[in-house]
PDB file of all heavy atoms in Angstrom:
ATOM      1  N   TYR A   1       2.575  -1.885  -0.119  1.00  0.00           N
ATOM      2  CA  TYR A   1       2.540  -2.879   0.969  1.00  0.00           C
ATOM      3  C   TYR A   1       2.137  -2.291   2.337  1.00  0.00           C
ATOM      4  O   TYR A   1       1.238  -2.810   2.970  1.00  0.00           O
ATOM      5  CB  TYR A   1       4.024  -3.435   1.077  1.00  0.00           C
ATOM      6  CG  TYR A   1       4.195  -4.468   2.283  1.00  0.00           C
ATOM      7  CD1 TYR A   1       3.825  -5.722   2.059  1.00  0.00           C
ATOM      8  CD2 TYR A   1       4.644  -3.973   3.579  1.00  0.00           C
ATOM      9  CE1 TYR A   1       3.881  -6.655   3.072  1.00  0.00           C
ATOM     10  CE2 TYR A   1       4.717  -4.966   4.464  1.00  0.00           C
ATOM     11  CZ  TYR A   1       4.337  -6.285   4.329  1.00  0.00           C
ATOM     12  OH  TYR A   1       4.422  -7.174   5.315  1.00  0.00           O
ATOM     13  N   LEU A   2       2.620  -1.116   2.625  1.00  0.00           N
ATOM     14  CA  LEU A   2       2.190  -0.381   3.931  1.00  0.00           C
ATOM     15  C   LEU A   2       0.711  -0.022   3.898  1.00  0.00           C
ATOM     16  O   LEU A   2       0.041  -0.212   4.942  1.00  0.00           O
ATOM     17  CB  LEU A   2       3.083   0.811   4.144  1.00  0.00           C
ATOM     18  CG  LEU A   2       4.584   0.456   4.428  1.00  0.00           C
ATOM     19  CD1 LEU A   2       5.416   1.740   4.341  1.00  0.00           C
ATOM     20  CD2 LEU A   2       4.813  -0.317   5.650  1.00  0.00           C
ATOM     21  N   ASP A   3       0.116   0.412   2.780  1.00  0.00           N
ATOM     22  CA  ASP A   3      -1.207   0.717   2.577  1.00  0.00           C
ATOM     23  C   ASP A   3      -2.087  -0.487   2.846  1.00  0.00           C
ATOM     24  O   ASP A   3      -3.044  -0.467   3.572  1.00  0.00           O
ATOM     25  CB  ASP A   3      -1.561   1.299   1.265  1.00  0.00           C
ATOM     26  CG  ASP A   3      -1.052   2.683   1.162  1.00  0.00           C
ATOM     27  OD1 ASP A   3      -0.692   3.376   2.050  1.00  0.00           O
ATOM     28  OD2 ASP A   3      -1.007   3.248   0.002  1.00  0.00           O
ATOM     29  N   LYS A   4      -1.711  -1.648   2.299  1.00  0.00           N
ATOM     30  CA  LYS A   4      -2.410  -2.949   2.496  1.00  0.00           C
ATOM     31  C   LYS A   4      -2.360  -3.370   3.947  1.00  0.00           C
ATOM     32  O   LYS A   4      -3.327  -3.796   4.515  1.00  0.00           O
ATOM     33  CB  LYS A   4      -1.818  -3.965   1.668  1.00  0.00           C
ATOM     34  CG  LYS A   4      -1.930  -3.819   0.167  1.00  0.00           C
ATOM     35  CD  LYS A   4      -3.130  -4.498  -0.287  1.00  0.00           C
ATOM     36  CE  LYS A   4      -3.117  -4.552  -1.862  1.00  0.00           C
ATOM     37  NZ  LYS A   4      -4.378  -4.491  -2.495  1.00  0.00           N
ATOM     38  N   CYS A   5      -1.162  -3.172   4.605  1.00  0.00           N
ATOM     39  CA  CYS A   5      -1.092  -3.532   5.970  1.00  0.00           C
ATOM     40  C   CYS A   5      -1.957  -2.582   6.801  1.00  0.00           C
ATOM     41  O   CYS A   5      -2.556  -3.124   7.792  1.00  0.00           O
ATOM     42  CB  CYS A   5       0.489  -3.509   6.496  1.00  0.00           C
ATOM     43  SG  CYS A   5       1.296  -4.767   5.731  1.00  0.00           S
ATOM     44  N   ARG A   6      -2.046  -1.268   6.532  1.00  0.00           N
ATOM     45  CA  ARG A   6      -2.949  -0.477   7.275  1.00  0.00           C
ATOM     46  C   ARG A   6      -4.400  -0.836   7.126  1.00  0.00           C
ATOM     47  O   ARG A   6      -5.089  -0.827   8.140  1.00  0.00           O
ATOM     48  CB  ARG A   6      -2.662   0.952   6.699  1.00  0.00           C
ATOM     49  CG  ARG A   6      -3.449   2.218   7.475  1.00  0.00           C
ATOM     50  CD  ARG A   6      -3.166   3.411   6.823  1.00  0.00           C
ATOM     51  NE  ARG A   6      -1.801   3.813   7.096  1.00  0.00           N
ATOM     52  CZ  ARG A   6      -0.721   3.826   6.173  1.00  0.00           C
ATOM     53  NH1 ARG A   6      -0.994   3.714   4.958  1.00  0.00           N
ATOM     54  NH2 ARG A   6       0.539   4.179   6.455  1.00  0.00           N
ATOM     55  N   SER A   7      -4.774  -1.279   5.972  1.00  0.00           N
ATOM     56  CA  SER A   7      -6.160  -1.742   5.971  1.00  0.00           C
ATOM     57  C   SER A   7      -6.349  -3.107   6.675  1.00  0.00           C
ATOM     58  O   SER A   7      -7.410  -3.303   7.228  1.00  0.00           O
ATOM     59  CB  SER A   7      -6.490  -1.967   4.398  1.00  0.00           C
ATOM     60  OG  SER A   7      -5.847  -3.076   3.774  1.00  0.00           O
ATOM     61  N   PHE A   8      -5.312  -3.980   6.818  1.00  0.00           N
ATOM     62  CA  PHE A   8      -5.368  -5.158   7.666  1.00  0.00           C
ATOM     63  C   PHE A   8      -5.565  -4.731   9.069  1.00  0.00           C
ATOM     64  O   PHE A   8      -6.256  -5.315   9.790  1.00  0.00           O
ATOM     65  CB  PHE A   8      -4.191  -6.013   7.467  1.00  0.00           C
ATOM     66  CG  PHE A   8      -3.988  -6.639   6.152  1.00  0.00           C
ATOM     67  CD1 PHE A   8      -2.747  -7.089   5.715  1.00  0.00           C
ATOM     68  CD2 PHE A   8      -5.088  -6.930   5.258  1.00  0.00           C
ATOM     69  CE1 PHE A   8      -2.649  -7.692   4.418  1.00  0.00           C
ATOM     70  CE2 PHE A   8      -5.011  -7.524   4.055  1.00  0.00           C
ATOM     71  CZ  PHE A   8      -3.728  -7.980   3.709  1.00  0.00           C
ATOM     72  N   VAL A   9      -4.754  -3.725   9.512  1.00  0.00           N
ATOM     73  CA  VAL A   9      -5.006  -3.312  10.942  1.00  0.00           C
ATOM     74  C   VAL A   9      -6.412  -2.800  11.157  1.00  0.00           C
ATOM     75  O   VAL A   9      -7.043  -3.226  12.215  1.00  0.00           O
ATOM     76  CB  VAL A   9      -4.002  -2.058  11.231  1.00  0.00           C
ATOM     77  CG1 VAL A   9      -4.348  -1.381  12.626  1.00  0.00           C
ATOM     78  CG2 VAL A   9      -2.538  -2.426  11.103  1.00  0.00           C
ATOM     79  N   PHE A  10      -7.002  -2.021  10.249  1.00  0.00           N
ATOM     80  CA  PHE A  10      -8.344  -1.588  10.385  1.00  0.00           C
ATOM     81  C   PHE A  10      -9.347  -2.870  10.508  1.00  0.00           C
ATOM     82  O   PHE A  10     -10.143  -2.879  11.460  1.00  0.00           O
ATOM     83  CB  PHE A  10      -8.787  -0.743   9.247  1.00  0.00           C
ATOM     84  CG  PHE A  10     -10.209  -0.231   9.174  1.00  0.00           C
ATOM     85  CD1 PHE A  10     -10.534   0.716  10.226  1.00  0.00           C
ATOM     86  CD2 PHE A  10     -11.132  -0.718   8.489  1.00  0.00           C
ATOM     87  CE1 PHE A  10     -11.870   1.230  10.139  1.00  0.00           C
ATOM     88  CE2 PHE A  10     -12.440  -0.298   8.573  1.00  0.00           C
ATOM     89  CZ  PHE A  10     -12.805   0.713   9.433  1.00  0.00           C
ATOM     90  N   LYS A  11      -9.047  -3.821   9.669  1.00  0.00           N
ATOM     91  CA  LYS A  11      -9.987  -5.009   9.537  1.00  0.00           C
ATOM     92  C   LYS A  11      -9.804  -5.821  10.877  1.00  0.00           C
ATOM     93  O   LYS A  11     -10.838  -6.089  11.541  1.00  0.00           O
ATOM     94  CB  LYS A  11      -9.483  -5.835   8.349  1.00  0.00           C
ATOM     95  CG  LYS A  11     -10.243  -7.137   8.372  1.00  0.00           C
ATOM     96  CD  LYS A  11      -9.880  -7.954   7.165  1.00  0.00           C
ATOM     97  CE  LYS A  11     -10.451  -9.361   7.154  1.00  0.00           C
ATOM     98  NZ  LYS A  11     -10.231 -10.071   6.045  1.00  0.00           N
ATOM     99  N   TRP A  12      -8.524  -6.150  11.282  1.00  0.00           N
ATOM    100  CA  TRP A  12      -8.407  -7.144  12.443  1.00  0.00           C
ATOM    101  C   TRP A  12      -8.566  -6.458  13.807  1.00  0.00           C
ATOM    102  O   TRP A  12      -9.073  -7.096  14.752  1.00  0.00           O
ATOM    103  CB  TRP A  12      -7.003  -7.760  12.247  1.00  0.00           C
ATOM    104  CG  TRP A  12      -7.115  -8.699  11.078  1.00  0.00           C
ATOM    105  CD1 TRP A  12      -6.393  -8.592   9.971  1.00  0.00           C
ATOM    106  CD2 TRP A  12      -7.937  -9.839  10.938  1.00  0.00           C
ATOM    107  NE1 TRP A  12      -6.765  -9.718   9.081  1.00  0.00           N
ATOM    108  CE2 TRP A  12      -7.807 -10.456   9.627  1.00  0.00           C
ATOM    109  CE3 TRP A  12      -8.796 -10.562  11.694  1.00  0.00           C
ATOM    110  CZ2 TRP A  12      -8.351 -11.534   9.086  1.00  0.00           C
ATOM    111  CZ3 TRP A  12      -9.563 -11.574  11.298  1.00  0.00           C
ATOM    112  CH2 TRP A  12      -9.198 -12.068  10.066  1.00  0.00           C
ATOM    113  N   LEU A  13      -8.241  -5.219  13.826  1.00  0.00           N
ATOM    114  CA  LEU A  13      -8.570  -4.586  15.226  1.00  0.00           C
ATOM    115  C   LEU A  13     -10.027  -4.334  15.394  1.00  0.00           C
ATOM    116  O   LEU A  13     -10.582  -4.279  16.561  1.00  0.00           O
ATOM    117  CB  LEU A  13      -7.826  -3.236  15.432  1.00  0.00           C
ATOM    118  CG  LEU A  13      -6.302  -3.480  15.560  1.00  0.00           C
ATOM    119  CD1 LEU A  13      -5.608  -2.062  15.839  1.00  0.00           C
ATOM    120  CD2 LEU A  13      -5.968  -4.402  16.633  1.00  0.00           C
ATOM    121  N   ASN A  14     -10.770  -4.235  14.294  1.00  0.00           N
ATOM    122  CA  ASN A  14     -12.343  -4.179  14.250  1.00  0.00           C
ATOM    123  C   ASN A  14     -12.846  -5.490  14.630  1.00  0.00           C
ATOM    124  O   ASN A  14     -14.119  -5.586  14.975  1.00  0.00           O
ATOM    125  CB  ASN A  14     -12.775  -3.579  13.060  1.00  0.00           C
ATOM    126  CG  ASN A  14     -13.075  -2.130  13.174  1.00  0.00           C
ATOM    127  OD1 ASN A  14     -13.446  -1.627  14.178  1.00  0.00           O
ATOM    128  ND2 ASN A  14     -12.991  -1.460  11.947  1.00  0.00           N
ATOM    129  N   ARG A  15     -12.136  -6.515  14.543  1.00  0.00           N
ATOM    130  CA  ARG A  15     -12.721  -7.846  14.828  1.00  0.00           C
ATOM    131  C   ARG A  15     -12.288  -8.483  16.137  1.00  0.00           C
ATOM    132  O   ARG A  15     -12.375  -9.618  16.295  1.00  0.00           O
ATOM    133  CB  ARG A  15     -12.322  -8.784  13.600  1.00  0.00           C
ATOM    134  CG  ARG A  15     -12.891  -8.431  12.350  1.00  0.00           C
ATOM    135  CD  ARG A  15     -12.660  -9.548  11.385  1.00  0.00           C
ATOM    136  NE  ARG A  15     -13.302  -9.095  10.144  1.00  0.00           N
ATOM    137  CZ  ARG A  15     -13.420  -9.927   9.042  1.00  0.00           C
ATOM    138  NH1 ARG A  15     -12.894 -11.109   9.086  1.00  0.00           N
ATOM    139  NH2 ARG A  15     -14.129  -9.486   8.004  1.00  0.00           N
ATOM    140  N   ARG A  16     -12.074  -7.609  17.030  1.00  0.00           N
ATOM    141  CA  ARG A  16     -11.628  -8.071  18.354  1.00  0.00           C
ATOM    142  C   ARG A  16     -12.888  -8.434  19.121  1.00  0.00           C
ATOM    143  O   ARG A  16     -12.769  -9.228  20.122  1.00  0.00           O
ATOM    144  CB  ARG A  16     -10.922  -6.935  19.198  1.00  0.00           C
ATOM    145  CG  ARG A  16      -9.550  -6.644  18.641  1.00  0.00           C
ATOM    146  CD  ARG A  16      -8.972  -5.432  19.422  1.00  0.00           C
ATOM    147  NE  ARG A  16      -7.547  -5.556  19.477  1.00  0.00           N
ATOM    148  CZ  ARG A  16      -6.775  -4.839  20.089  1.00  0.00           C
ATOM    149  NH1 ARG A  16      -7.242  -3.926  20.994  1.00  0.00           N
ATOM    150  NH2 ARG A  16      -5.383  -4.978  20.018  1.00  0.00           N
ATOM    151  N   SER A  17     -14.029  -7.908  18.905  1.00  0.00           N
ATOM    152  CA  SER A  17     -15.249  -8.262  19.534  1.00  0.00           C
ATOM    153  C   SER A  17     -16.334  -8.212  18.516  1.00  0.00           C
ATOM    154  O   SER A  17     -16.196  -7.868  17.393  1.00  0.00           O
ATOM    155  CB  SER A  17     -15.443  -7.375  20.761  1.00  0.00           C
ATOM    156  OG  SER A  17     -15.680  -6.075  20.246  1.00  0.00           O
ATOM    157  N   GLN A  18     -17.545  -8.465  19.171  1.00  0.00           N
ATOM    158  CA  GLN A  18     -18.781  -8.370  18.197  1.00  0.00           C
ATOM    159  C   GLN A  18     -19.066  -6.909  17.756  1.00  0.00           C
ATOM    160  O   GLN A  18     -19.583  -6.788  16.682  1.00  0.00           O
ATOM    161  CB  GLN A  18     -20.020  -8.816  19.064  1.00  0.00           C
ATOM    162  CG  GLN A  18     -19.975 -10.225  19.631  1.00  0.00           C
ATOM    163  CD  GLN A  18     -20.271 -11.208  18.455  1.00  0.00           C
ATOM    164  OE1 GLN A  18     -20.629 -10.859  17.430  1.00  0.00           O
ATOM    165  NE2 GLN A  18     -19.927 -12.521  18.787  1.00  0.00           N
ATOM    166  N   LYS A  19     -18.612  -5.982  18.633  1.00  0.00           N
ATOM    167  CA  LYS A  19     -18.801  -4.508  18.323  1.00  0.00           C
ATOM    168  C   LYS A  19     -17.511  -4.025  17.575  1.00  0.00           C
ATOM    169  O   LYS A  19     -16.475  -4.243  18.042  1.00  0.00           O
ATOM    170  CB  LYS A  19     -19.139  -3.783  19.564  1.00  0.00           C
ATOM    171  CG  LYS A  19     -19.418  -2.388  19.380  1.00  0.00           C
ATOM    172  CD  LYS A  19     -19.693  -1.736  20.722  1.00  0.00           C
ATOM    173  CE  LYS A  19     -19.904  -0.185  20.609  1.00  0.00           C
ATOM    174  NZ  LYS A  19     -19.678   0.466  21.812  1.00  0.00           N
ATOM    175  N   ARG A  20     -17.845  -3.245  16.497  1.00  0.00           N
ATOM    176  CA  ARG A  20     -16.654  -2.696  15.889  1.00  0.00           C
ATOM    177  C   ARG A  20     -15.929  -1.600  16.789  1.00  0.00           C
ATOM    178  O   ARG A  20     -16.542  -0.862  17.408  1.00  0.00           O
ATOM    179  CB  ARG A  20     -17.160  -1.962  14.575  1.00  0.00           C
ATOM    180  CG  ARG A  20     -17.542  -3.005  13.521  1.00  0.00           C
ATOM    181  CD  ARG A  20     -17.969  -2.233  12.317  1.00  0.00           C
ATOM    182  NE  ARG A  20     -16.742  -1.757  11.710  1.00  0.00           N
ATOM    183  CZ  ARG A  20     -16.755  -1.059  10.530  1.00  0.00           C
ATOM    184  NH1 ARG A  20     -17.942  -0.743   9.938  1.00  0.00           N
ATOM    185  NH2 ARG A  20     -15.727  -0.595   9.992  1.00  0.00           N
ATOM    186  N   SER A  21     -14.609  -1.709  16.768  1.00  0.00           N
ATOM    187  CA  SER A  21     -13.853  -0.814  17.547  1.00  0.00           C
ATOM    188  C   SER A  21     -13.605   0.582  16.853  1.00  0.00           C
ATOM    189  O   SER A  21     -13.569   1.590  17.602  1.00  0.00           O
ATOM    190  CB  SER A  21     -12.340  -1.397  17.687  1.00  0.00           C
ATOM    191  OG  SER A  21     -12.458  -2.586  18.268  1.00  0.00           O
ATOM    192  N   PHE A  22     -13.692   0.593  15.524  1.00  0.00           N
ATOM    193  CA  PHE A  22     -13.375   1.875  14.813  1.00  0.00           C
ATOM    194  C   PHE A  22     -14.460   2.178  13.730  1.00  0.00           C
ATOM    195  O   PHE A  22     -14.893   1.220  13.104  1.00  0.00           O
ATOM    196  CB  PHE A  22     -12.146   1.769  14.087  1.00  0.00           C
ATOM    197  CG  PHE A  22     -10.871   1.528  14.891  1.00  0.00           C
ATOM    198  CD1 PHE A  22     -10.144   0.364  14.770  1.00  0.00           C
ATOM    199  CD2 PHE A  22     -10.397   2.563  15.790  1.00  0.00           C
ATOM    200  CE1 PHE A  22      -9.008   0.219  15.538  1.00  0.00           C
ATOM    201  CE2 PHE A  22      -9.297   2.355  16.597  1.00  0.00           C
ATOM    202  CZ  PHE A  22      -8.522   1.134  16.400  1.00  0.00           C
ATOM    203  N   ASN A  23     -14.634   3.409  13.494  1.00  0.00           N
ATOM    204  CA  ASN A  23     -15.189   3.820  12.181  1.00  0.00           C
ATOM    205  C   ASN A  23     -13.950   4.460  11.565  1.00  0.00           C
ATOM    206  O   ASN A  23     -12.851   4.576  12.160  1.00  0.00           O
ATOM    207  CB  ASN A  23     -16.331   4.783  12.327  1.00  0.00           C
ATOM    208  CG  ASN A  23     -15.967   6.064  13.060  1.00  0.00           C
ATOM    209  OD1 ASN A  23     -14.893   6.452  13.093  1.00  0.00           O
ATOM    210  ND2 ASN A  23     -16.972   6.634  13.707  1.00  0.00           N
ATOM    211  N   TRP A  24     -14.020   4.994  10.312  1.00  0.00           N
ATOM    212  CA  TRP A  24     -12.807   5.426   9.622  1.00  0.00           C
ATOM    213  C   TRP A  24     -12.295   6.568  10.361  1.00  0.00           C
ATOM    214  O   TRP A  24     -11.019   6.742  10.391  1.00  0.00           O
ATOM    215  CB  TRP A  24     -13.110   5.667   8.164  1.00  0.00           C
ATOM    216  CG  TRP A  24     -11.860   5.921   7.314  1.00  0.00           C
ATOM    217  CD1 TRP A  24     -11.342   6.980   6.899  1.00  0.00           C
ATOM    218  CD2 TRP A  24     -10.887   4.818   7.121  1.00  0.00           C
ATOM    219  NE1 TRP A  24     -10.131   6.934   6.367  1.00  0.00           N
ATOM    220  CE2 TRP A  24      -9.778   5.539   6.515  1.00  0.00           C
ATOM    221  CE3 TRP A  24     -10.751   3.533   7.357  1.00  0.00           C
ATOM    222  CZ2 TRP A  24      -8.567   4.841   6.057  1.00  0.00           C
ATOM    223  CZ3 TRP A  24      -9.649   2.892   6.947  1.00  0.00           C
ATOM    224  CH2 TRP A  24      -8.583   3.484   6.227  1.00  0.00           C
ATOM    225  N   ASP A  25     -13.059   7.562  10.810  1.00  0.00           N
ATOM    226  CA  ASP A  25     -12.545   8.790  11.492  1.00  0.00           C
ATOM    227  C   ASP A  25     -11.868   8.371  12.769  1.00  0.00           C
ATOM    228  O   ASP A  25     -10.675   9.027  13.056  1.00  0.00           O
ATOM    229  CB  ASP A  25     -13.720   9.678  11.795  1.00  0.00           C
ATOM    230  CG  ASP A  25     -14.341  10.344  10.639  1.00  0.00           C
ATOM    231  OD1 ASP A  25     -13.657  10.456   9.597  1.00  0.00           O
ATOM    232  OD2 ASP A  25     -15.596  10.618  10.730  1.00  0.00           O
ATOM    233  N   LYS A  26     -12.286   7.523  13.530  1.00  0.00           N
ATOM    234  CA  LYS A  26     -11.603   7.066  14.716  1.00  0.00           C
ATOM    235  C   LYS A  26     -10.280   6.314  14.320  1.00  0.00           C
ATOM    236  O   LYS A  26      -9.227   6.509  15.085  1.00  0.00           O
ATOM    237  CB  LYS A  26     -12.444   6.110  15.571  1.00  0.00           C
ATOM    238  CG  LYS A  26     -13.487   6.743  16.336  1.00  0.00           C
ATOM    239  CD  LYS A  26     -14.221   5.732  17.180  1.00  0.00           C
ATOM    240  CE  LYS A  26     -15.397   6.490  17.981  1.00  0.00           C
ATOM    241  NZ  LYS A  26     -16.090   5.521  18.769  1.00  0.00           N
ATOM    242  N   PHE A  27     -10.226   5.540  13.254  1.00  0.00           N
ATOM    243  CA  PHE A  27      -9.063   4.918  12.844  1.00  0.00           C
ATOM    244  C   PHE A  27      -8.032   5.925  12.413  1.00  0.00           C
ATOM    245  O   PHE A  27      -6.840   5.722  12.782  1.00  0.00           O
ATOM    246  CB  PHE A  27      -9.443   3.993  11.728  1.00  0.00           C
ATOM    247  CG  PHE A  27      -8.229   3.163  11.201  1.00  0.00           C
ATOM    248  CD1 PHE A  27      -7.688   2.145  12.065  1.00  0.00           C
ATOM    249  CD2 PHE A  27      -7.637   3.340  10.039  1.00  0.00           C
ATOM    250  CE1 PHE A  27      -6.551   1.478  11.651  1.00  0.00           C
ATOM    251  CE2 PHE A  27      -6.565   2.616   9.582  1.00  0.00           C
ATOM    252  CZ  PHE A  27      -6.044   1.508  10.413  1.00  0.00           C
ATOM    253  N   VAL A  28      -8.346   7.000  11.746  1.00  0.00           N
ATOM    254  CA  VAL A  28      -7.430   7.952  11.400  1.00  0.00           C
ATOM    255  C   VAL A  28      -6.688   8.537  12.607  1.00  0.00           C
ATOM    256  O   VAL A  28      -5.518   8.725  12.622  1.00  0.00           O
ATOM    257  CB  VAL A  28      -8.025   9.141  10.486  1.00  0.00           C
ATOM    258  CG1 VAL A  28      -7.142  10.263  10.301  1.00  0.00           C
ATOM    259  CG2 VAL A  28      -8.482   8.506   9.046  1.00  0.00           C
ATOM    260  N   LEU A  29      -7.425   8.858  13.671  1.00  0.00           N
ATOM    261  CA  LEU A  29      -6.933   9.315  14.847  1.00  0.00           C
ATOM    262  C   LEU A  29      -5.987   8.328  15.500  1.00  0.00           C
ATOM    263  O   LEU A  29      -4.961   8.637  16.104  1.00  0.00           O
ATOM    264  CB  LEU A  29      -8.051   9.766  15.880  1.00  0.00           C
ATOM    265  CG  LEU A  29      -8.906  10.972  15.536  1.00  0.00           C
ATOM    266  CD1 LEU A  29     -10.006  11.155  16.377  1.00  0.00           C
ATOM    267  CD2 LEU A  29      -7.997  12.267  15.460  1.00  0.00           C
ATOM    268  N   PHE A  30      -6.466   6.953  15.446  1.00  0.00           N
ATOM    269  CA  PHE A  30      -5.605   5.926  16.047  1.00  0.00           C
ATOM    270  C   PHE A  30      -4.249   5.948  15.324  1.00  0.00           C
ATOM    271  O   PHE A  30      -3.303   5.664  16.016  1.00  0.00           O
ATOM    272  CB  PHE A  30      -6.491   4.656  15.820  1.00  0.00           C
ATOM    273  CG  PHE A  30      -5.724   3.403  16.331  1.00  0.00           C
ATOM    274  CD1 PHE A  30      -5.580   3.041  17.618  1.00  0.00           C
ATOM    275  CD2 PHE A  30      -5.037   2.570  15.282  1.00  0.00           C
ATOM    276  CE1 PHE A  30      -4.878   1.875  17.893  1.00  0.00           C
ATOM    277  CE2 PHE A  30      -4.307   1.393  15.731  1.00  0.00           C
ATOM    278  CZ  PHE A  30      -4.323   1.114  17.059  1.00  0.00           C
TER     279      PHE A  30
END
């Protein structure tokens, strides 16, 4: 469940604007 939620965080925070907020390396730091 927590792993799925983590992937949702990556998906939805990347959809805040036209430009992606994260690549995977930045997301790991986040």
